[in-house]
Structures are given as C-alpha cells and as structure tokens.
Amino acid sequence: MDTPAPPLWTLANREPGDPALDDGRRSLTWAELDAETNAFGHGLLAHGLEPGDHVSVVARNHVEYLVAIIGAQRAGLVVTPVKTGWTPSEVGYLLRDAESRAVVTDVASARVAAAEAGVALVDLENDYAEWISEQSSDPHPYERHGWRLSYTSGTTGRPKGVVRADSGETPFSQAFITSSLFAGALEIPRDGVHLVVSRLFHGAPLTFALAALGAGTPLFIMERWDAATAVDHLANGAASTIMVPTMFRQMLALPEEVRARLPVPSLATVIHGGEPCPIGLKQRMIDWLGPIFVEYFGVSEGGMTLASTEEWQARPGTVGQIHTAAAIVILDDDGNEVPPRTEGGVYFRTTGTAFQYKGDPEKTASAFRGNAFTAGDIGWVDADGYLFLSGRRADVIVSAGVNVYPAEIETELEAVPGVADLCVVGAPDDEKGEVPIAVVVVADGSDADAVIAAMQARAAEHVAGYKRPVRYLVDDVLPRDDTGKLLRRQVRDRMWGDDSPFAAPSR
C-alpha cells in the first residue's frame, strides 16, 4: 500500500491555520493550500493523465498559479511554466515540444493553443471553483516524483526544455523540504511575508517563491508589477522580495513622498538579478534601503552565484561566488582555463549532475567542455573566485529582465517581401534597460515604408508583444565577415556607444 504524502504544513513546520498564500483577491491557509493542491492533482489525473505525463501552466499571477504548479507535482506530473504573452502559435510549439497532455490557463491564447493541440484544458477563469470542489483532496502517494521542466532559448531562437540528470528522482515532498535550505542562502526570513512582484512563469521568481514557501514563509503575490504598489506592500510588512534592475529604476523615479515610506525595519532582504545592474543604480538602492541586497546570477541549466551587499561593496560589480555547481571556470575559445582577471567564457563545472536540452543533443553537446557547461556568458573572476560579467551572447536582449532572442523575431520578419537583410539587436532604454530594434536592408526596387509597415503587421500577428521591435531602422548594408556571418555585436555596439552595462577587467 502506498504511503500518503504528509500535509504541506507539516513539511513547512507551520500550523494548519497559518496563512500561506494571498493575492489580494483570494487567500489560503496551509490547510487550504494542502487540500486544494491535492485536489488539483487528482483533477489532472481525472483528465486521463498519469504520473510522468506533462502539463503546461499558462496563467496570471494568482493563488491558483502556485496551486497548479504544486498540485501537478504532488500528483507526479511534469509541469512547465509558459509565458502568458505568447501567441497561440508560440504556445502551440511548446505544447508539442514538451509533449503536454494538459494546459492550465486563464489566458485566451493558451485556450486556442490547447484546442488546436487537442489536449485537456483546466480553465482557471471558467467554473474553476466548481471543478476543484468536485475533486478528492486525499493525499497523493509520497513516492510521486513530480518535477518542473523549465524552458530556455538559444541562438536558434526556439525554446528548449532543460532536463537535469536528477529530474524526477526526488519525491516532491522531500524536494519541498530541501527548498527551505535555498531560502536560507537567499536570506529570506521565515517570519515575514515574501512579496512576489515578478511574473511567476520566470524561473527565478518561481523558484525563489517555492523556496520561501518550503521554509514556511507566506507569500503575497502581486498580479502585475507597479512600483508604487510594491513600495506600499514593502512598507506594510513584507520582509523579502525579488526584483530586476528595471524595477529599481522605476522605484527611484517615484515621488519623494512615496519613497519616504521606506526603509522600514521589517524589510530584511531584496534579491535581484535577471539582467546586468549598473553599479551606480545599485549603490543608489543601497543608499536608500540599506545593505539588504542579495544579487544572483543564474542559468536555467543549473549554475548560480550569490553576492551579499557586503561582498558587492567590497568588489563593486561582482555577481558573487558559486552557490550551485562545483566551481566557476573561465575558458578561452580553445577550452583552456585562463588566469584570474582574464575574460573568457563563463562555465559552471559540475560534479556529475549534468543536464540535456530536450530533443536537441547537438545543442547539449555544444554547451559542454568536458564536465563544464556554459549558457554563453562572457566574464572573468578575481583571485578570490568572485565572478564579474563583461558580456554575453551578442544576440540575447534582456528587456525588463526578460530574455528576448532575435532569431525568433528575425525568422518571422525575414519572410516579409522586400527584406534583403535583417538584424534585431537590443538598444538602451531608460525604463526597460534595453528593447528590441530591427535594422533592415530593403531590397532594390522595394519601398522602405511599405516594407516596414508589412514587418510591423507580421510582428503584430506572429510575435509576442514584449519581443516586437520598438523601432525599425533602414541601413544600406549590415556588417558581415568574409564567410558571410553577421557581425551582430557591431550593430549592437552602434546602439549603445559608451553606455554598455558590461565592463572589462581593469589591470
């Protein structure tokens, strides 16, 4: 007979009636969260799914999002978070690639994609309360090994699932307990609310929220980011949160009377990462809120660094020392390790727990040098092993903390008649850090205005809003080397001039 999994409040060392989740429209105690996640898992199984099957979650920041993520894993399912801003065709690709048998959503595009794919649908907006009430809240077997299949993109532009070697090896209940150790490393206080301000389909906010929950820290989930609202929550007792530098800029731009509400003694930790943070910007935040910042640099593939405020102040610009993986190594183009303070590719050396990109052995092989892997970032370490980033893959645009891959955009826009050559790069933006810009060479005999209008129309139909170029620039020619390879970095550097957030090591 299967051993039932223990209730969540036991795993988190909380009382059943203690608060667990709140989004302003709905709140759950630990007992209610335990019952609803069990019921959610049973509801997915009632749709014909079996342990080991895949389910995708395309939903807004509500309590039900985490109910779905936890419930699916408690039932032994593999769950994939999907961006809400994607078009039906983009969602459809991921459903096929992840082999999802069900979609959990409150987003119209995902409903369309689910119908086209012919998979089961759990609609969080329509009849959810009735559906969840009809399911059993009995505990699932302890041995259920549900896990999360995260997707990342690469230079091909198509998102790829990251399957770690240990995925599905640990029962969910045990993984939930283990996550509390990560919360400690992030300095998330147990006695205080963790404020979720970013979209939960992003890897770090979701991972950190689950870590906080595993440690017994209740969550308040903001549906969408708003700087003034975030200040209000932080001033009213939230103890920790995770942000991206774009949010720092918006908070610092608030009226003085709003900013004057902070700092407060209850605010203990602000975690940040997701995009490069200029030294001056971070120092302004420290001057305002105090030495409460924990910076991270991480990749979906499994490597992460952490830097406390004290470490950062001693080495301004560092993203910290290794936290996961065995070590950071900096390699040259031939795979040789370089001395400290020398630029090269940033690699995480593993101790045997590797990963693979789902269905793409070539991409997997290209990421590794022996037992070390890279996500394509460029950087250097000092003599004490602190990592500094001096660049990244020239094609990646980080807009408001979200990775945008030009190849996806270019694939769509190159199909427009009259486009002879095309390059999408990131250009500086005061609010978002950088935004996509399309530089196009118009074919002889074509009208530039008409071509750009056609590109805009195609982007509106086929490209998610946050990926669409905000400007289209016409040029006579794009820089290419002797083999015809596009010199994308030269195009990007023209946009940035001397304002790049990356810096080479000083000698």
Foldseek 3Di string as FASTA:
>chain_A
DFAFFDQLCVLQVHDQQDWAEAAPVDTHGSVRLLLLLCLLLQLVVVQVDAQAAEEEEQEFFDPVSVSNVSSVQQRNYEYAYDYNLAALVLLLVVCVLSVHQEYEYQHPRVVVNCVVVVHHYHHPPPCNVVSSVPGGSGGGGQLRQYYYFYWDAAQLQRIWTKFWPCRSVHRPSVVLSVLLVVLVVQVQDLPFEEEEADTCSDDVSVSNSSSSSSNNHHYHYHRHHDLLVVLVVQLVTGAEYEFELLSLLRNVPDDPVSLVSDDDPRHAAYEYDLDFHFLVSVVVVCVSHNQRYKYKDDDPFWWMAIDGSVRCVVPPQFRHATDDADAWFFAAPVGDTDDALDKHFIKGAHPPTGIATRPCNPVRVVQDDVRIGGSFFMWGAHPVRTIHGQGGPQQWDQWRSDTAGFSVLCVQLVPQPQFPDKDWGWAQDSNGRTAIEMETEGDPPDDPVVSVVVSVVSCVNRPRPRRDHPYYHYDNDFDADPVRHGPSNVVHCVRQPPNDSGDRGDD
